[in-house]
Amino acid sequence: MTDPRGSVAGLGGEHAADKDRLVALLAREWSEIAGLLAGLDDEQWARPVLPGWDVHDVVAHLVGTERALAGAALPQVTPGIELTGHVHNEIGRANEAWVRALRGLSNADLLAEFRAVTAQRLTALAAMTADDFDAPSWTPVGEATYARFMQVRLFDCWMHEQDIRAAIGVPGHEDGEAARQSLAEVTGALGYIIGKRGRAPDGSSVLIRLSGPIRRDLHVLVQGRARVVDAIEGAPTASLTLPSSLFLRLAGGRVDAQAALAEIELGGDLDLARQLATNLAFTI
């Protein structure tokens, strides 16, 4: 889940093409995940992915979220889940409830459930109008629109696909529209990441150069508050050069930032660059 400071992008009635694009991206992402899972053996399904969760648990989390969005009630185990360990808040408690409720399913049955619930959700999403997508909605990043919620869903699903790939040692799908949309999710929060998390001082500027598979220069200027800009004048105060895949995993809190420093080229004010590189995580 992303931080509430991410940007909000609504889709009005005149933006039906945007709604259709987002639904198509979700369809392709869910198909990508299902195809990946179909090739796993039982040992791979049991590999640890995130604190407290293995591959099976991550898939159960994805299934549970889509079941909830389809109208299913939260499993009754929720009140007994304490806010300790890897469960940090009420969203985490709900996520854990679904994981525990589905833990008894076989790998094959859970994959079948994933295919079924995502097909159900795609039918429901296709039936919605662009105005429905533009309607106010609760989202994990605060009150916004249903479209914003689905942007977060795409980011969450793509990140969990990458979690599974990292666990089983099968990299892939690190470029393309879903990856670029996920990068846009992080870019929307980059002012918060650099200004609040990284504590970049007022008057400083930062260049984050993504070396691939997505190649992009991200510029942040701190003037009262940190914000993403198209370009900065002169040399940046500090710079980071790293692969886009690593940048996204750092932003998602998936990688030990200190250990990842060896893979990041630091420039300019090295102390500030190191401080920024080790404080990129912003998800909850």
C-alpha atoms as a PDB file:
ATOM      1  CA  MET A   1       0.000   0.000   0.000  1.00  0.00           C
ATOM      2  CA  THR A   2       1.224   3.482  -0.714  1.00  0.00           C
ATOM      3  CA  ASP A   3       1.538   6.445   1.597  1.00  0.00           C
ATOM      4  CA  PRO A   4      -1.422   8.860   1.724  1.00  0.00           C
ATOM      5  CA  ARG A   5       0.781  11.564   0.257  1.00  0.00           C
ATOM      6  CA  GLY A   6       0.689   9.993  -3.209  1.00  0.00           C
ATOM      7  CA  SER A   7      -0.920  12.054  -5.959  1.00  0.00           C
ATOM      8  CA  VAL A   8      -4.612  11.701  -6.760  1.00  0.00           C
ATOM      9  CA  ALA A   9      -5.712  11.212 -10.345  1.00  0.00           C
ATOM     10  CA  GLY A  10      -9.442  11.139 -10.965  1.00  0.00           C
ATOM     11  CA  LEU A  11     -11.097   9.959 -14.158  1.00  0.00           C
ATOM     12  CA  GLY A  12     -14.081  12.055 -15.179  1.00  0.00           C
ATOM     13  CA  GLY A  13     -16.929  11.042 -17.473  1.00  0.00           C
ATOM     14  CA  GLU A  14     -14.977  12.345 -20.439  1.00  0.00           C
ATOM     15  CA  HIS A  15     -12.072  10.046 -19.643  1.00  0.00           C
ATOM     16  CA  ALA A  16     -13.542   6.653 -20.523  1.00  0.00           C
ATOM     17  CA  ALA A  17     -10.330   5.738 -22.350  1.00  0.00           C
ATOM     18  CA  ASP A  18      -8.366   6.250 -19.111  1.00  0.00           C
ATOM     19  CA  LYS A  19     -10.765   3.967 -17.241  1.00  0.00           C
ATOM     20  CA  ASP A  20     -10.508   1.314 -19.948  1.00  0.00           C
ATOM     21  CA  ARG A  21      -6.701   1.555 -19.906  1.00  0.00           C
ATOM     22  CA  LEU A  22      -6.563   1.044 -16.147  1.00  0.00           C
ATOM     23  CA  VAL A  23      -8.891  -1.965 -16.284  1.00  0.00           C
ATOM     24  CA  ALA A  24      -6.810  -3.428 -19.110  1.00  0.00           C
ATOM     25  CA  LEU A  25      -3.648  -2.948 -17.042  1.00  0.00           C
ATOM     26  CA  LEU A  26      -5.213  -4.788 -14.107  1.00  0.00           C
ATOM     27  CA  ALA A  27      -6.295  -7.610 -16.432  1.00  0.00           C
ATOM     28  CA  ARG A  28      -2.779  -7.995 -17.814  1.00  0.00           C
ATOM     29  CA  GLU A  29      -1.212  -7.818 -14.363  1.00  0.00           C
ATOM     30  CA  TRP A  30      -3.507 -10.482 -12.941  1.00  0.00           C
ATOM     31  CA  SER A  31      -2.840 -12.664 -15.980  1.00  0.00           C
ATOM     32  CA  GLU A  32       0.907 -12.194 -15.465  1.00  0.00           C
ATOM     33  CA  ILE A  33       0.640 -13.266 -11.825  1.00  0.00           C
ATOM     34  CA  ALA A  34      -1.527 -16.289 -12.651  1.00  0.00           C
ATOM     35  CA  GLY A  35       0.900 -17.407 -15.339  1.00  0.00           C
ATOM     36  CA  LEU A  36       3.828 -17.055 -12.954  1.00  0.00           C
ATOM     37  CA  LEU A  37       2.087 -19.040 -10.226  1.00  0.00           C
ATOM     38  CA  ALA A  38       1.055 -21.812 -12.604  1.00  0.00           C
ATOM     39  CA  GLY A  39       4.690 -22.771 -13.062  1.00  0.00           C
ATOM     40  CA  LEU A  40       5.576 -23.055  -9.360  1.00  0.00           C
ATOM     41  CA  ASP A  41       6.140 -26.284  -7.455  1.00  0.00           C
ATOM     42  CA  ASP A  42       5.169 -26.810  -3.813  1.00  0.00           C
ATOM     43  CA  GLU A  43       8.627 -25.835  -2.559  1.00  0.00           C
ATOM     44  CA  GLN A  44       8.434 -22.498  -4.381  1.00  0.00           C
ATOM     45  CA  TRP A  45       4.947 -21.820  -3.025  1.00  0.00           C
ATOM     46  CA  ALA A  46       6.362 -22.216   0.485  1.00  0.00           C
ATOM     47  CA  ARG A  47       9.299 -19.829   0.068  1.00  0.00           C
ATOM     48  CA  PRO A  48       9.338 -16.794   2.385  1.00  0.00           C
ATOM     49  CA  VAL A  49       8.494 -13.537   0.657  1.00  0.00           C
ATOM     50  CA  LEU A  50       7.741 -10.858   3.268  1.00  0.00           C
ATOM     51  CA  PRO A  51       7.960 -10.950   7.077  1.00  0.00           C
ATOM     52  CA  GLY A  52       5.464 -13.593   8.197  1.00  0.00           C
ATOM     53  CA  TRP A  53       4.303 -14.444   4.660  1.00  0.00           C
ATOM     54  CA  ASP A  54       5.348 -17.026   2.100  1.00  0.00           C
ATOM     55  CA  VAL A  55       4.251 -17.131  -1.556  1.00  0.00           C
ATOM     56  CA  HIS A  56       0.968 -18.804  -0.635  1.00  0.00           C
ATOM     57  CA  ASP A  57       0.252 -16.063   1.901  1.00  0.00           C
ATOM     58  CA  VAL A  58       0.969 -13.272  -0.600  1.00  0.00           C
ATOM     59  CA  VAL A  59      -1.450 -14.821  -3.066  1.00  0.00           C
ATOM     60  CA  ALA A  60      -4.024 -15.227  -0.270  1.00  0.00           C
ATOM     61  CA  HIS A  61      -3.629 -11.515   0.468  1.00  0.00           C
ATOM     62  CA  LEU A  62      -4.302 -10.668  -3.187  1.00  0.00           C
ATOM     63  CA  VAL A  63      -7.316 -12.978  -3.261  1.00  0.00           C
ATOM     64  CA  GLY A  64      -8.664 -11.573  -0.007  1.00  0.00           C
ATOM     65  CA  THR A  65      -8.429  -7.984  -1.176  1.00  0.00           C
ATOM     66  CA  GLU A  66     -10.282  -8.727  -4.392  1.00  0.00           C
ATOM     67  CA  ARG A  67     -12.885 -10.779  -2.505  1.00  0.00           C
ATOM     68  CA  ALA A  68     -13.442  -7.806  -0.206  1.00  0.00           C
ATOM     69  CA  LEU A  69     -13.814  -5.468  -3.184  1.00  0.00           C
ATOM     70  CA  ALA A  70     -16.330  -7.912  -4.641  1.00  0.00           C
ATOM     71  CA  GLY A  71     -18.399  -7.561  -1.469  1.00  0.00           C
ATOM     72  CA  ALA A  72     -17.265 -10.474   0.701  1.00  0.00           C
ATOM     73  CA  ALA A  73     -17.298  -9.990   4.468  1.00  0.00           C
ATOM     74  CA  LEU A  74     -14.028  -9.871   6.375  1.00  0.00           C
ATOM     75  CA  PRO A  75     -13.156 -13.229   7.997  1.00  0.00           C
ATOM     76  CA  GLN A  76     -14.149 -13.411  11.648  1.00  0.00           C
ATOM     77  CA  VAL A  77     -10.585 -14.081  12.831  1.00  0.00           C
ATOM     78  CA  THR A  78      -9.789 -10.344  12.596  1.00  0.00           C
ATOM     79  CA  PRO A  79     -10.423  -9.368  16.266  1.00  0.00           C
ATOM     80  CA  GLY A  80      -7.886 -11.955  17.469  1.00  0.00           C
ATOM     81  CA  ILE A  81      -5.021 -10.559  15.402  1.00  0.00           C
ATOM     82  CA  GLU A  82      -2.726  -8.393  17.496  1.00  0.00           C
ATOM     83  CA  LEU A  83      -0.907  -5.349  16.138  1.00  0.00           C
ATOM     84  CA  THR A  84       2.528  -6.884  16.566  1.00  0.00           C
ATOM     85  CA  GLY A  85       5.274  -8.229  14.335  1.00  0.00           C
ATOM     86  CA  HIS A  86       4.427  -7.635  10.690  1.00  0.00           C
ATOM     87  CA  VAL A  87       0.864  -6.418  11.452  1.00  0.00           C
ATOM     88  CA  HIS A  88       1.207  -2.671  12.031  1.00  0.00           C
ATOM     89  CA  ASN A  89      -2.274  -1.197  11.593  1.00  0.00           C
ATOM     90  CA  GLU A  90      -5.924  -1.943  10.856  1.00  0.00           C
ATOM     91  CA  ILE A  91      -5.265  -2.458   7.140  1.00  0.00           C
ATOM     92  CA  GLY A  92      -2.577  -4.941   8.113  1.00  0.00           C
ATOM     93  CA  ARG A  93      -4.997  -6.661  10.472  1.00  0.00           C
ATOM     94  CA  ALA A  94      -7.543  -7.082   7.667  1.00  0.00           C
ATOM     95  CA  ASN A  95      -4.849  -8.364   5.308  1.00  0.00           C
ATOM     96  CA  GLU A  96      -3.713 -10.900   7.890  1.00  0.00           C
ATOM     97  CA  ALA A  97      -7.286 -12.059   8.461  1.00  0.00           C
ATOM     98  CA  TRP A  98      -7.632 -13.064   4.816  1.00  0.00           C
ATOM     99  CA  VAL A  99      -4.216 -14.727   4.801  1.00  0.00           C
ATOM    100  CA  ARG A 100      -5.094 -16.856   7.811  1.00  0.00           C
ATOM    101  CA  ALA A 101      -8.560 -17.679   6.512  1.00  0.00           C
ATOM    102  CA  LEU A 102      -7.161 -18.940   3.195  1.00  0.00           C
ATOM    103  CA  ARG A 103      -4.062 -20.647   4.554  1.00  0.00           C
ATOM    104  CA  GLY A 104      -5.765 -24.055   4.507  1.00  0.00           C
ATOM    105  CA  LEU A 105      -6.331 -24.000   0.736  1.00  0.00           C
ATOM    106  CA  SER A 106      -4.025 -26.100  -1.401  1.00  0.00           C
ATOM    107  CA  ASN A 107      -1.758 -24.237  -3.790  1.00  0.00           C
ATOM    108  CA  ALA A 108      -3.839 -25.387  -6.761  1.00  0.00           C
ATOM    109  CA  ASP A 109      -7.108 -24.364  -5.118  1.00  0.00           C
ATOM    110  CA  LEU A 110      -5.728 -20.967  -4.149  1.00  0.00           C
ATOM    111  CA  LEU A 111      -4.560 -20.353  -7.719  1.00  0.00           C
ATOM    112  CA  ALA A 112      -8.022 -21.367  -8.961  1.00  0.00           C
ATOM    113  CA  GLU A 113      -9.547 -18.931  -6.468  1.00  0.00           C
ATOM    114  CA  PHE A 114      -7.199 -16.179  -7.673  1.00  0.00           C
ATOM    115  CA  ARG A 115      -8.262 -16.773 -11.266  1.00  0.00           C
ATOM    116  CA  ALA A 116     -11.937 -16.865 -10.318  1.00  0.00           C
ATOM    117  CA  VAL A 117     -12.023 -13.740  -8.163  1.00  0.00           C
ATOM    118  CA  THR A 118      -9.962 -11.653 -10.596  1.00  0.00           C
ATOM    119  CA  ALA A 119     -12.270 -12.729 -13.438  1.00  0.00           C
ATOM    120  CA  GLN A 120     -15.235 -11.683 -11.298  1.00  0.00           C
ATOM    121  CA  ARG A 121     -13.610  -8.346 -10.552  1.00  0.00           C
ATOM    122  CA  LEU A 122     -12.800  -7.700 -14.213  1.00  0.00           C
ATOM    123  CA  THR A 123     -16.433  -8.290 -15.143  1.00  0.00           C
ATOM    124  CA  ALA A 124     -17.513  -5.815 -12.466  1.00  0.00           C
ATOM    125  CA  LEU A 125     -14.894  -3.240 -13.462  1.00  0.00           C
ATOM    126  CA  ALA A 126     -15.804  -3.487 -17.147  1.00  0.00           C
ATOM    127  CA  ALA A 127     -19.448  -2.816 -16.266  1.00  0.00           C
ATOM    128  CA  MET A 128     -18.579   0.385 -14.404  1.00  0.00           C
ATOM    129  CA  THR A 129     -18.734   3.719 -16.186  1.00  0.00           C
ATOM    130  CA  ALA A 130     -16.018   6.342 -16.218  1.00  0.00           C
ATOM    131  CA  ASP A 131     -18.264   8.382 -13.914  1.00  0.00           C
ATOM    132  CA  ASP A 132     -18.302   5.437 -11.494  1.00  0.00           C
ATOM    133  CA  PHE A 133     -14.500   5.509 -11.527  1.00  0.00           C
ATOM    134  CA  ASP A 134     -14.555   9.239 -10.822  1.00  0.00           C
ATOM    135  CA  ALA A 135     -16.872   8.817  -7.828  1.00  0.00           C
ATOM    136  CA  PRO A 136     -15.534   9.549  -4.318  1.00  0.00           C
ATOM    137  CA  SER A 137     -14.180   6.469  -2.584  1.00  0.00           C
ATOM    138  CA  TRP A 138     -12.231   5.327   0.428  1.00  0.00           C
ATOM    139  CA  THR A 139      -8.765   4.184  -0.614  1.00  0.00           C
ATOM    140  CA  PRO A 140      -5.705   2.937   1.284  1.00  0.00           C
ATOM    141  CA  VAL A 141      -4.146   6.351   0.630  1.00  0.00           C
ATOM    142  CA  GLY A 142      -7.069   8.375   1.970  1.00  0.00           C
ATOM    143  CA  GLU A 143     -10.335   9.660   0.536  1.00  0.00           C
ATOM    144  CA  ALA A 144     -10.024  10.009  -3.218  1.00  0.00           C
ATOM    145  CA  THR A 145     -11.801   8.338  -6.150  1.00  0.00           C
ATOM    146  CA  TYR A 146     -12.437   4.757  -7.167  1.00  0.00           C
ATOM    147  CA  ALA A 147      -9.987   5.301 -10.019  1.00  0.00           C
ATOM    148  CA  ARG A 148      -7.311   6.236  -7.506  1.00  0.00           C
ATOM    149  CA  PHE A 149      -8.098   3.052  -5.578  1.00  0.00           C
ATOM    150  CA  MET A 150      -7.569   0.963  -8.720  1.00  0.00           C
ATOM    151  CA  GLN A 151      -4.262   2.723  -9.372  1.00  0.00           C
ATOM    152  CA  VAL A 152      -3.174   1.634  -5.907  1.00  0.00           C
ATOM    153  CA  ARG A 153      -4.426  -1.893  -6.637  1.00  0.00           C
ATOM    154  CA  LEU A 154      -2.279  -2.077  -9.760  1.00  0.00           C
ATOM    155  CA  PHE A 155       0.772  -0.860  -7.842  1.00  0.00           C
ATOM    156  CA  ASP A 156       0.120  -3.325  -5.017  1.00  0.00           C
ATOM    157  CA  CYS A 157      -0.350  -6.271  -7.369  1.00  0.00           C
ATOM    158  CA  TRP A 158       2.732  -5.444  -9.438  1.00  0.00           C
ATOM    159  CA  MET A 159       4.842  -5.049  -6.304  1.00  0.00           C
ATOM    160  CA  HIS A 160       3.634  -8.412  -4.996  1.00  0.00           C
ATOM    161  CA  GLU A 161       4.391 -10.013  -8.345  1.00  0.00           C
ATOM    162  CA  GLN A 162       7.941  -8.708  -7.965  1.00  0.00           C
ATOM    163  CA  ASP A 163       8.000  -9.998  -4.365  1.00  0.00           C
ATOM    164  CA  ILE A 164       7.156 -13.483  -5.598  1.00  0.00           C
ATOM    165  CA  ARG A 165       9.704 -13.265  -8.413  1.00  0.00           C
ATOM    166  CA  ALA A 166      12.420 -12.231  -5.957  1.00  0.00           C
ATOM    167  CA  ALA A 167      11.550 -15.146  -3.653  1.00  0.00           C
ATOM    168  CA  ILE A 168      11.695 -17.769  -6.379  1.00  0.00           C
ATOM    169  CA  GLY A 169      14.611 -16.239  -8.288  1.00  0.00           C
ATOM    170  CA  VAL A 170      12.694 -15.608 -11.507  1.00  0.00           C
ATOM    171  CA  PRO A 171      13.077 -11.919 -12.425  1.00  0.00           C
ATOM    172  CA  GLY A 172      10.879 -10.404 -15.095  1.00  0.00           C
ATOM    173  CA  HIS A 173       8.139  -7.934 -16.023  1.00  0.00           C
ATOM    174  CA  GLU A 174      10.296  -5.076 -14.747  1.00  0.00           C
ATOM    175  CA  ASP A 175       9.364  -2.854 -17.690  1.00  0.00           C
ATOM    176  CA  GLY A 176       6.118  -2.284 -19.526  1.00  0.00           C
ATOM    177  CA  GLU A 177       2.973  -0.364 -18.660  1.00  0.00           C
ATOM    178  CA  ALA A 178       2.350  -1.890 -15.220  1.00  0.00           C
ATOM    179  CA  ALA A 179       5.921  -1.185 -14.145  1.00  0.00           C
ATOM    180  CA  ARG A 180       5.732   2.362 -15.487  1.00  0.00           C
ATOM    181  CA  GLN A 181       2.432   2.981 -13.741  1.00  0.00           C
ATOM    182  CA  SER A 182       3.998   1.677 -10.525  1.00  0.00           C
ATOM    183  CA  LEU A 183       6.897   4.068 -11.010  1.00  0.00           C
ATOM    184  CA  ALA A 184       4.365   6.883 -11.440  1.00  0.00           C
ATOM    185  CA  GLU A 185       2.882   5.866  -8.073  1.00  0.00           C
ATOM    186  CA  VAL A 186       6.265   6.318  -6.413  1.00  0.00           C
ATOM    187  CA  THR A 187       7.039   9.503  -8.331  1.00  0.00           C
ATOM    188  CA  GLY A 188       3.791  10.990  -7.034  1.00  0.00           C
ATOM    189  CA  ALA A 189       5.127  10.551  -3.499  1.00  0.00           C
ATOM    190  CA  LEU A 190       8.707  11.572  -4.273  1.00  0.00           C
ATOM    191  CA  GLY A 191       8.398  15.010  -2.680  1.00  0.00           C
ATOM    192  CA  TYR A 192       7.410  13.329   0.589  1.00  0.00           C
ATOM    193  CA  ILE A 193      10.118  10.683   0.222  1.00  0.00           C
ATOM    194  CA  ILE A 194      12.910  13.196  -0.370  1.00  0.00           C
ATOM    195  CA  GLY A 195      11.664  15.991   1.870  1.00  0.00           C
ATOM    196  CA  LYS A 196      10.229  14.097   4.848  1.00  0.00           C
ATOM    197  CA  ARG A 197      11.765  10.644   4.764  1.00  0.00           C
ATOM    198  CA  GLY A 198      15.137  11.729   3.380  1.00  0.00           C
ATOM    199  CA  ARG A 199      15.194  15.104   5.194  1.00  0.00           C
ATOM    200  CA  ALA A 200      16.770  16.918   2.256  1.00  0.00           C
ATOM    201  CA  PRO A 201      17.526  20.482   3.428  1.00  0.00           C
ATOM    202  CA  ASP A 202      15.783  23.563   2.117  1.00  0.00           C
ATOM    203  CA  GLY A 203      17.480  24.920  -0.987  1.00  0.00           C
ATOM    204  CA  SER A 204      18.820  21.533  -2.074  1.00  0.00           C
ATOM    205  CA  SER A 205      18.113  19.661  -5.291  1.00  0.00           C
ATOM    206  CA  VAL A 206      18.204  15.954  -5.996  1.00  0.00           C
ATOM    207  CA  LEU A 207      18.616  13.902  -9.161  1.00  0.00           C
ATOM    208  CA  ILE A 208      17.544  10.252  -9.181  1.00  0.00           C
ATOM    209  CA  ARG A 209      18.789   8.661 -12.405  1.00  0.00           C
ATOM    210  CA  LEU A 210      17.163   5.341 -13.230  1.00  0.00           C
ATOM    211  CA  SER A 211      19.537   3.327 -15.393  1.00  0.00           C
ATOM    212  CA  GLY A 212      17.084   0.660 -16.569  1.00  0.00           C
ATOM    213  CA  PRO A 213      15.092  -1.298 -17.439  1.00  0.00           C
ATOM    214  CA  ILE A 214      13.036   1.903 -17.139  1.00  0.00           C
ATOM    215  CA  ARG A 215      15.360   4.792 -17.922  1.00  0.00           C
ATOM    216  CA  ARG A 216      14.349   8.117 -16.457  1.00  0.00           C
ATOM    217  CA  ASP A 217      15.712  11.156 -14.630  1.00  0.00           C
ATOM    218  CA  LEU A 218      13.662  12.272 -11.645  1.00  0.00           C
ATOM    219  CA  HIS A 219      14.336  15.783 -10.333  1.00  0.00           C
ATOM    220  CA  VAL A 220      13.341  17.046  -6.903  1.00  0.00           C
ATOM    221  CA  LEU A 221      13.727  20.631  -5.729  1.00  0.00           C
ATOM    222  CA  VAL A 222      13.396  21.605  -2.071  1.00  0.00           C
ATOM    223  CA  GLN A 223      12.077  25.146  -1.676  1.00  0.00           C
ATOM    224  CA  GLY A 224      10.032  25.298   1.489  1.00  0.00           C
ATOM    225  CA  ARG A 225       8.819  21.835   0.597  1.00  0.00           C
ATOM    226  CA  ALA A 226      10.185  19.172  -1.702  1.00  0.00           C
ATOM    227  CA  ARG A 227       8.510  18.727  -5.068  1.00  0.00           C
ATOM    228  CA  VAL A 228       9.161  16.950  -8.340  1.00  0.00           C
ATOM    229  CA  VAL A 229      10.150  19.324 -11.151  1.00  0.00           C
ATOM    230  CA  ASP A 230      10.880  18.860 -14.839  1.00  0.00           C
ATOM    231  CA  ALA A 231      14.508  19.918 -14.476  1.00  0.00           C
ATOM    232  CA  ILE A 232      16.919  21.596 -12.095  1.00  0.00           C
ATOM    233  CA  GLU A 233      19.428  24.313 -12.896  1.00  0.00           C
ATOM    234  CA  GLY A 234      23.072  23.382 -12.636  1.00  0.00           C
ATOM    235  CA  ALA A 235      24.448  20.368 -10.812  1.00  0.00           C
ATOM    236  CA  PRO A 236      22.172  18.716  -8.231  1.00  0.00           C
ATOM    237  CA  THR A 237      23.098  18.912  -4.568  1.00  0.00           C
ATOM    238  CA  ALA A 238      22.990  15.120  -4.421  1.00  0.00           C
ATOM    239  CA  SER A 239      22.361  12.375  -6.939  1.00  0.00           C
ATOM    240  CA  LEU A 240      21.539   8.671  -6.957  1.00  0.00           C
ATOM    241  CA  THR A 241      21.985   6.415  -9.976  1.00  0.00           C
ATOM    242  CA  LEU A 242      20.443   2.964  -9.760  1.00  0.00           C
ATOM    243  CA  PRO A 243      18.279   0.475 -11.684  1.00  0.00           C
ATOM    244  CA  SER A 244      14.577   1.256 -11.748  1.00  0.00           C
ATOM    245  CA  SER A 245      13.830  -2.191 -10.318  1.00  0.00           C
ATOM    246  CA  LEU A 246      15.997  -1.538  -7.282  1.00  0.00           C
ATOM    247  CA  PHE A 247      14.539   1.943  -6.847  1.00  0.00           C
ATOM    248  CA  LEU A 248      10.998   0.570  -6.784  1.00  0.00           C
ATOM    249  CA  ARG A 249      11.900  -2.195  -4.345  1.00  0.00           C
ATOM    250  CA  LEU A 250      13.610   0.301  -2.071  1.00  0.00           C
ATOM    251  CA  ALA A 251      10.569   2.579  -2.238  1.00  0.00           C
ATOM    252  CA  GLY A 252       8.418  -0.406  -1.338  1.00  0.00           C
ATOM    253  CA  GLY A 253      10.588  -1.235   1.660  1.00  0.00           C
ATOM    254  CA  ARG A 254      11.448  -4.616   0.178  1.00  0.00           C
ATOM    255  CA  VAL A 255      15.242  -4.304   0.249  1.00  0.00           C
ATOM    256  CA  ASP A 256      17.687  -3.615   3.052  1.00  0.00           C
ATOM    257  CA  ALA A 257      18.757  -0.092   2.170  1.00  0.00           C
ATOM    258  CA  GLN A 258      22.191  -0.317   3.770  1.00  0.00           C
ATOM    259  CA  ALA A 259      22.971  -3.523   1.896  1.00  0.00           C
ATOM    260  CA  ALA A 260      21.755  -1.961  -1.364  1.00  0.00           C
ATOM    261  CA  LEU A 261      24.196   0.963  -1.173  1.00  0.00           C
ATOM    262  CA  ALA A 262      26.794  -1.075  -3.055  1.00  0.00           C
ATOM    263  CA  GLU A 263      24.449  -1.068  -6.070  1.00  0.00           C
ATOM    264  CA  ILE A 264      23.789   2.686  -5.993  1.00  0.00           C
ATOM    265  CA  GLU A 265      26.107   5.302  -7.472  1.00  0.00           C
ATOM    266  CA  LEU A 266      26.115   8.310  -5.156  1.00  0.00           C
ATOM    267  CA  GLY A 267      27.029  11.790  -6.379  1.00  0.00           C
ATOM    268  CA  GLY A 268      27.334  15.368  -5.147  1.00  0.00           C
ATOM    269  CA  ASP A 269      27.014  15.714  -1.390  1.00  0.00           C
ATOM    270  CA  LEU A 270      27.775  12.094  -0.529  1.00  0.00           C
ATOM    271  CA  ASP A 271      26.460  12.299   3.022  1.00  0.00           C
ATOM    272  CA  LEU A 272      23.125  13.636   1.796  1.00  0.00           C
ATOM    273  CA  ALA A 273      23.027  11.150  -1.077  1.00  0.00           C
ATOM    274  CA  ARG A 274      23.600   8.271   1.347  1.00  0.00           C
ATOM    275  CA  GLN A 275      20.944   9.637   3.694  1.00  0.00           C
ATOM    276  CA  LEU A 276      18.438   9.775   0.819  1.00  0.00           C
ATOM    277  CA  ALA A 277      19.348   6.331  -0.510  1.00  0.00           C
ATOM    278  CA  THR A 278      18.699   4.717   2.867  1.00  0.00           C
ATOM    279  CA  ASN A 279      15.331   6.441   3.378  1.00  0.00           C
ATOM    280  CA  LEU A 280      13.421   5.776   0.169  1.00  0.00           C
ATOM    281  CA  ALA A 281      10.800   3.441   1.670  1.00  0.00           C
ATOM    282  CA  PHE A 282       7.316   4.969   1.853  1.00  0.00           C
ATOM    283  CA  THR A 283       4.759   2.134   1.746  1.00  0.00           C
ATOM    284  CA  ILE A 284       2.823   0.855   4.757  1.00  0.00           C
END
